[in-house]
Amino acid sequence: MAEAESVIGTPDSAGADESAVPVERPKGRRRILALFLVAVVAYLLDLGSKILVVEKLEGREPIKVIGDLLRFEAIRNPGAAFGMGEAFTIIFTCIATVVIVVIIRLARKLYSLPWAIALGLLLGGALGNLTDRIFRSPGVFEGAVVDFIAPAHFAVFNLADSAIVCGGILIVLLSFRGLDPDGTVHKD
């Protein structure tokens, strides 16, 4: 635990000496910048890949990347993960909007770089899929998401989905390690 505390710069509240000089909390601004930088990179990679897929792959045969294990295939997905909930596109749009607002509000209390990266991945992925839902056919807030990464025996997905999943996994790992978004470490 002491090693993690020295890395993130927070004292262990259970074993802290009250007469010790308090450790200065890292500056939050740098963490917010990291969150938005990760979000912008994830968003731009997703947006760029979808533009290429629509332009070069839609309406054409799938491209085999690794034999039968992985191919690129343009799919329009009006639903959620694995194509479920196609009739609830507007609900997924609302959920993505709420997630974006929560992340932006949480950013004010963000002092942890790992959390900034995780939340940046979630934010970039949510923005990527929300952009599709707003601007792609069949209409505003009902648009179908462009998916194209098609592993064998698995659902077709995109880079926004990958960013969301990676961000979610990182959040679970950080939570198990006891690291909070404000940079404190707790013992449970």
C-alpha atoms as a PDB file:
ATOM      1  CA  MET A   1       0.000   0.000   0.000  1.00  0.00           C
ATOM      2  CA  ALA A   2       2.825   2.390   0.824  1.00  0.00           C
ATOM      3  CA  GLU A   3       4.211   1.912  -2.674  1.00  0.00           C
ATOM      4  CA  ALA A   4       0.884   2.883  -4.262  1.00  0.00           C
ATOM      5  CA  GLU A   5       0.645   5.882  -1.949  1.00  0.00           C
ATOM      6  CA  SER A   6       4.087   7.087  -2.939  1.00  0.00           C
ATOM      7  CA  VAL A   7       3.164   6.780  -6.616  1.00  0.00           C
ATOM      8  CA  ILE A   8      -0.066   8.759  -6.337  1.00  0.00           C
ATOM      9  CA  GLY A   9       1.100  11.014  -3.513  1.00  0.00           C
ATOM     10  CA  THR A  10      -1.567  10.358  -0.901  1.00  0.00           C
ATOM     11  CA  PRO A  11      -1.026   9.479   2.740  1.00  0.00           C
ATOM     12  CA  ASP A  12      -2.509   6.325   4.248  1.00  0.00           C
ATOM     13  CA  SER A  13      -5.285   7.730   6.398  1.00  0.00           C
ATOM     14  CA  ALA A  14      -5.290   4.730   8.752  1.00  0.00           C
ATOM     15  CA  GLY A  15      -1.604   4.991   9.575  1.00  0.00           C
ATOM     16  CA  ALA A  16      -1.059   8.713   9.133  1.00  0.00           C
ATOM     17  CA  ASP A  17       0.751  10.576  11.865  1.00  0.00           C
ATOM     18  CA  GLU A  18      -1.329  13.624  12.767  1.00  0.00           C
ATOM     19  CA  SER A  19       1.772  15.720  13.475  1.00  0.00           C
ATOM     20  CA  ALA A  20       3.233  14.974  10.039  1.00  0.00           C
ATOM     21  CA  VAL A  21       3.199  17.644   7.376  1.00  0.00           C
ATOM     22  CA  PRO A  22       0.269  16.951   5.030  1.00  0.00           C
ATOM     23  CA  VAL A  23       1.214  15.721   1.598  1.00  0.00           C
ATOM     24  CA  GLU A  24       0.130  18.157  -1.090  1.00  0.00           C
ATOM     25  CA  ARG A  25      -2.496  16.737  -3.388  1.00  0.00           C
ATOM     26  CA  PRO A  26      -1.457  16.632  -7.069  1.00  0.00           C
ATOM     27  CA  LYS A  27      -2.860  19.386  -9.209  1.00  0.00           C
ATOM     28  CA  GLY A  28      -6.292  18.477 -10.587  1.00  0.00           C
ATOM     29  CA  ARG A  29      -5.925  20.483 -13.770  1.00  0.00           C
ATOM     30  CA  ARG A  30      -3.288  18.119 -15.180  1.00  0.00           C
ATOM     31  CA  ARG A  31      -5.607  15.168 -14.555  1.00  0.00           C
ATOM     32  CA  ILE A  32      -8.530  16.901 -16.248  1.00  0.00           C
ATOM     33  CA  LEU A  33      -6.326  17.682 -19.222  1.00  0.00           C
ATOM     34  CA  ALA A  34      -5.304  14.009 -19.402  1.00  0.00           C
ATOM     35  CA  LEU A  35      -8.968  12.939 -19.299  1.00  0.00           C
ATOM     36  CA  PHE A  36      -9.897  15.231 -22.169  1.00  0.00           C
ATOM     37  CA  LEU A  37      -6.769  14.388 -24.172  1.00  0.00           C
ATOM     38  CA  VAL A  38      -7.520  10.646 -23.929  1.00  0.00           C
ATOM     39  CA  ALA A  39     -11.181  11.336 -24.792  1.00  0.00           C
ATOM     40  CA  VAL A  40     -10.263  13.407 -27.862  1.00  0.00           C
ATOM     41  CA  VAL A  41      -7.793  10.787 -29.131  1.00  0.00           C
ATOM     42  CA  ALA A  42     -10.307   7.945 -28.602  1.00  0.00           C
ATOM     43  CA  TYR A  43     -13.056   9.983 -30.272  1.00  0.00           C
ATOM     44  CA  LEU A  44     -10.952  10.982 -33.282  1.00  0.00           C
ATOM     45  CA  LEU A  45      -9.678   7.435 -33.828  1.00  0.00           C
ATOM     46  CA  ASP A  46     -13.249   6.141 -33.700  1.00  0.00           C
ATOM     47  CA  LEU A  47     -14.595   8.873 -35.974  1.00  0.00           C
ATOM     48  CA  GLY A  48     -11.764   8.467 -38.492  1.00  0.00           C
ATOM     49  CA  SER A  49     -12.135   4.700 -38.603  1.00  0.00           C
ATOM     50  CA  LYS A  50     -15.893   4.973 -39.163  1.00  0.00           C
ATOM     51  CA  ILE A  51     -15.424   7.491 -41.977  1.00  0.00           C
ATOM     52  CA  LEU A  52     -12.989   5.100 -43.674  1.00  0.00           C
ATOM     53  CA  VAL A  53     -15.277   2.113 -43.170  1.00  0.00           C
ATOM     54  CA  VAL A  54     -18.316   3.893 -44.610  1.00  0.00           C
ATOM     55  CA  GLU A  55     -16.288   5.225 -47.540  1.00  0.00           C
ATOM     56  CA  LYS A  56     -14.235   2.139 -48.396  1.00  0.00           C
ATOM     57  CA  LEU A  57     -16.029  -0.901 -46.982  1.00  0.00           C
ATOM     58  CA  GLU A  58     -19.764  -0.337 -46.805  1.00  0.00           C
ATOM     59  CA  GLY A  59     -21.591  -2.311 -49.487  1.00  0.00           C
ATOM     60  CA  ARG A  60     -18.517  -4.408 -50.232  1.00  0.00           C
ATOM     61  CA  GLU A  61     -17.266  -7.836 -49.241  1.00  0.00           C
ATOM     62  CA  PRO A  62     -15.633  -8.116 -45.796  1.00  0.00           C
ATOM     63  CA  ILE A  63     -11.850  -7.886 -45.636  1.00  0.00           C
ATOM     64  CA  LYS A  64     -10.122 -10.855 -44.024  1.00  0.00           C
ATOM     65  CA  VAL A  65      -7.460  -9.501 -41.671  1.00  0.00           C
ATOM     66  CA  ILE A  66      -6.352 -12.728 -39.955  1.00  0.00           C
ATOM     67  CA  GLY A  67      -7.806 -15.612 -41.944  1.00  0.00           C
ATOM     68  CA  ASP A  68     -11.186 -16.578 -40.540  1.00  0.00           C
ATOM     69  CA  LEU A  69     -10.298 -15.235 -37.072  1.00  0.00           C
ATOM     70  CA  LEU A  70     -10.712 -11.521 -37.786  1.00  0.00           C
ATOM     71  CA  ARG A  71     -12.304  -9.545 -40.580  1.00  0.00           C
ATOM     72  CA  PHE A  72     -13.454  -5.987 -41.212  1.00  0.00           C
ATOM     73  CA  GLU A  73     -17.123  -5.858 -42.168  1.00  0.00           C
ATOM     74  CA  ALA A  74     -19.313  -2.754 -42.259  1.00  0.00           C
ATOM     75  CA  ILE A  75     -22.470  -3.205 -40.184  1.00  0.00           C
ATOM     76  CA  ARG A  76     -25.041  -0.606 -39.098  1.00  0.00           C
ATOM     77  CA  ASN A  77     -26.176  -1.385 -35.556  1.00  0.00           C
ATOM     78  CA  PRO A  78     -29.286   0.459 -34.299  1.00  0.00           C
ATOM     79  CA  GLY A  79     -29.192  -1.415 -30.986  1.00  0.00           C
ATOM     80  CA  ALA A  80     -26.747  -1.831 -28.144  1.00  0.00           C
ATOM     81  CA  ALA A  81     -24.025  -4.413 -27.675  1.00  0.00           C
ATOM     82  CA  PHE A  82     -24.518  -7.589 -29.708  1.00  0.00           C
ATOM     83  CA  GLY A  83     -27.349  -5.900 -31.631  1.00  0.00           C
ATOM     84  CA  MET A  84     -29.779  -6.150 -28.707  1.00  0.00           C
ATOM     85  CA  GLY A  85     -32.466  -3.543 -28.147  1.00  0.00           C
ATOM     86  CA  GLU A  86     -32.858  -2.247 -31.690  1.00  0.00           C
ATOM     87  CA  ALA A  87     -36.189  -0.657 -30.753  1.00  0.00           C
ATOM     88  CA  PHE A  88     -34.595   1.352 -27.939  1.00  0.00           C
ATOM     89  CA  THR A  89     -32.113   3.516 -29.856  1.00  0.00           C
ATOM     90  CA  ILE A  90     -33.417   6.701 -28.227  1.00  0.00           C
ATOM     91  CA  ILE A  91     -32.859   5.178 -24.768  1.00  0.00           C
ATOM     92  CA  PHE A  92     -29.232   4.322 -25.620  1.00  0.00           C
ATOM     93  CA  THR A  93     -28.789   7.896 -26.821  1.00  0.00           C
ATOM     94  CA  CYS A  94     -30.090   9.208 -23.490  1.00  0.00           C
ATOM     95  CA  ILE A  95     -27.883   6.814 -21.518  1.00  0.00           C
ATOM     96  CA  ALA A  96     -24.800   7.918 -23.469  1.00  0.00           C
ATOM     97  CA  THR A  97     -25.698  11.554 -22.811  1.00  0.00           C
ATOM     98  CA  VAL A  98     -26.075  10.907 -19.067  1.00  0.00           C
ATOM     99  CA  VAL A  99     -22.719   9.075 -18.971  1.00  0.00           C
ATOM    100  CA  ILE A 100     -21.029  12.030 -20.676  1.00  0.00           C
ATOM    101  CA  VAL A 101     -22.550  14.525 -18.223  1.00  0.00           C
ATOM    102  CA  VAL A 102     -21.565  12.388 -15.198  1.00  0.00           C
ATOM    103  CA  ILE A 103     -17.970  12.070 -16.421  1.00  0.00           C
ATOM    104  CA  ILE A 104     -17.688  15.807 -17.023  1.00  0.00           C
ATOM    105  CA  ARG A 105     -19.078  16.528 -13.538  1.00  0.00           C
ATOM    106  CA  LEU A 106     -16.745  13.958 -11.955  1.00  0.00           C
ATOM    107  CA  ALA A 107     -13.769  15.560 -13.722  1.00  0.00           C
ATOM    108  CA  ARG A 108     -13.850  18.441 -11.222  1.00  0.00           C
ATOM    109  CA  LYS A 109     -12.840  16.039  -8.429  1.00  0.00           C
ATOM    110  CA  LEU A 110     -10.280  14.114 -10.491  1.00  0.00           C
ATOM    111  CA  TYR A 111      -6.767  13.838  -9.050  1.00  0.00           C
ATOM    112  CA  SER A 112      -5.818  10.361 -10.267  1.00  0.00           C
ATOM    113  CA  LEU A 113      -4.094   9.835 -13.626  1.00  0.00           C
ATOM    114  CA  PRO A 114      -5.268   6.197 -13.987  1.00  0.00           C
ATOM    115  CA  TRP A 115      -8.852   7.336 -13.372  1.00  0.00           C
ATOM    116  CA  ALA A 116      -8.368  10.162 -15.878  1.00  0.00           C
ATOM    117  CA  ILE A 117      -7.315   7.633 -18.505  1.00  0.00           C
ATOM    118  CA  ALA A 118     -10.235   5.307 -17.707  1.00  0.00           C
ATOM    119  CA  LEU A 119     -12.806   8.092 -17.741  1.00  0.00           C
ATOM    120  CA  GLY A 120     -11.249   9.565 -20.886  1.00  0.00           C
ATOM    121  CA  LEU A 121     -11.699   6.227 -22.653  1.00  0.00           C
ATOM    122  CA  LEU A 122     -15.331   6.069 -21.523  1.00  0.00           C
ATOM    123  CA  LEU A 123     -15.953   9.667 -22.560  1.00  0.00           C
ATOM    124  CA  GLY A 124     -14.341   9.280 -25.989  1.00  0.00           C
ATOM    125  CA  GLY A 125     -16.196   6.030 -26.662  1.00  0.00           C
ATOM    126  CA  ALA A 126     -19.535   7.403 -25.514  1.00  0.00           C
ATOM    127  CA  LEU A 127     -19.061  10.507 -27.678  1.00  0.00           C
ATOM    128  CA  GLY A 128     -18.125   8.355 -30.677  1.00  0.00           C
ATOM    129  CA  ASN A 129     -21.249   6.235 -30.514  1.00  0.00           C
ATOM    130  CA  LEU A 130     -23.423   9.237 -29.581  1.00  0.00           C
ATOM    131  CA  THR A 131     -22.196  11.033 -32.706  1.00  0.00           C
ATOM    132  CA  ASP A 132     -23.463   8.101 -34.786  1.00  0.00           C
ATOM    133  CA  ARG A 133     -26.800   8.063 -32.963  1.00  0.00           C
ATOM    134  CA  ILE A 134     -27.312  11.784 -33.596  1.00  0.00           C
ATOM    135  CA  PHE A 135     -25.987  12.222 -37.137  1.00  0.00           C
ATOM    136  CA  ARG A 136     -26.384   8.902 -38.970  1.00  0.00           C
ATOM    137  CA  SER A 137     -29.511   7.591 -40.671  1.00  0.00           C
ATOM    138  CA  PRO A 138     -32.329   6.888 -40.139  1.00  0.00           C
ATOM    139  CA  GLY A 139     -32.525  10.157 -38.199  1.00  0.00           C
ATOM    140  CA  VAL A 140     -31.548  12.335 -35.258  1.00  0.00           C
ATOM    141  CA  PHE A 141     -31.314  10.334 -31.998  1.00  0.00           C
ATOM    142  CA  GLU A 142     -32.202   7.177 -33.924  1.00  0.00           C
ATOM    143  CA  GLY A 143     -29.016   6.708 -35.937  1.00  0.00           C
ATOM    144  CA  ALA A 144     -27.352   3.344 -36.318  1.00  0.00           C
ATOM    145  CA  VAL A 145     -23.798   2.949 -35.035  1.00  0.00           C
ATOM    146  CA  VAL A 146     -21.162   1.876 -37.559  1.00  0.00           C
ATOM    147  CA  ASP A 147     -19.511  -1.368 -36.413  1.00  0.00           C
ATOM    148  CA  PHE A 148     -16.760  -3.075 -38.386  1.00  0.00           C
ATOM    149  CA  ILE A 149     -14.370  -5.175 -36.267  1.00  0.00           C
ATOM    150  CA  ALA A 150     -15.645  -8.736 -36.630  1.00  0.00           C
ATOM    151  CA  PRO A 151     -13.774 -11.429 -34.699  1.00  0.00           C
ATOM    152  CA  ALA A 152     -14.853 -15.023 -35.371  1.00  0.00           C
ATOM    153  CA  HIS A 153     -17.680 -16.218 -33.097  1.00  0.00           C
ATOM    154  CA  PHE A 154     -18.152 -12.792 -31.509  1.00  0.00           C
ATOM    155  CA  ALA A 155     -20.172  -9.633 -32.012  1.00  0.00           C
ATOM    156  CA  VAL A 156     -19.126  -6.958 -34.492  1.00  0.00           C
ATOM    157  CA  PHE A 157     -17.928  -3.785 -32.738  1.00  0.00           C
ATOM    158  CA  ASN A 158     -16.026  -0.529 -33.294  1.00  0.00           C
ATOM    159  CA  LEU A 159     -13.232   1.484 -31.663  1.00  0.00           C
ATOM    160  CA  ALA A 160     -15.704   3.414 -29.481  1.00  0.00           C
ATOM    161  CA  ASP A 161     -16.969   0.117 -28.059  1.00  0.00           C
ATOM    162  CA  SER A 162     -13.361  -0.955 -27.437  1.00  0.00           C
ATOM    163  CA  ALA A 163     -12.613   2.307 -25.610  1.00  0.00           C
ATOM    164  CA  ILE A 164     -15.722   1.905 -23.437  1.00  0.00           C
ATOM    165  CA  VAL A 165     -14.864  -1.695 -22.535  1.00  0.00           C
ATOM    166  CA  CYS A 166     -11.195  -0.882 -21.800  1.00  0.00           C
ATOM    167  CA  GLY A 167     -12.228   2.127 -19.692  1.00  0.00           C
ATOM    168  CA  GLY A 168     -14.752   0.004 -17.792  1.00  0.00           C
ATOM    169  CA  ILE A 169     -12.205  -2.749 -17.112  1.00  0.00           C
ATOM    170  CA  LEU A 170      -9.703  -0.170 -15.890  1.00  0.00           C
ATOM    171  CA  ILE A 171     -12.306   1.335 -13.540  1.00  0.00           C
ATOM    172  CA  VAL A 172     -13.053  -2.100 -12.077  1.00  0.00           C
ATOM    173  CA  LEU A 173      -9.320  -2.757 -11.553  1.00  0.00           C
ATOM    174  CA  LEU A 174      -8.791   0.654  -9.941  1.00  0.00           C
ATOM    175  CA  SER A 175     -11.761   0.073  -7.660  1.00  0.00           C
ATOM    176  CA  PHE A 176     -10.431  -3.336  -6.584  1.00  0.00           C
ATOM    177  CA  ARG A 177      -7.060  -1.725  -5.881  1.00  0.00           C
ATOM    178  CA  GLY A 178      -8.770   0.859  -3.672  1.00  0.00           C
ATOM    179  CA  LEU A 179      -7.817   3.895  -5.741  1.00  0.00           C
ATOM    180  CA  ASP A 180     -10.495   6.575  -5.837  1.00  0.00           C
ATOM    181  CA  PRO A 181     -10.898   9.242  -8.538  1.00  0.00           C
ATOM    182  CA  ASP A 182      -9.793  11.901  -6.041  1.00  0.00           C
ATOM    183  CA  GLY A 183      -6.426  10.152  -5.714  1.00  0.00           C
ATOM    184  CA  THR A 184      -6.977   8.651  -2.273  1.00  0.00           C
ATOM    185  CA  VAL A 185      -6.333   5.004  -1.498  1.00  0.00           C
ATOM    186  CA  HIS A 186      -8.689   3.213   0.837  1.00  0.00           C
ATOM    187  CA  LYS A 187      -8.510  -0.177   2.520  1.00  0.00           C
ATOM    188  CA  ASP A 188     -11.559  -2.426   2.498  1.00  0.00           C
END
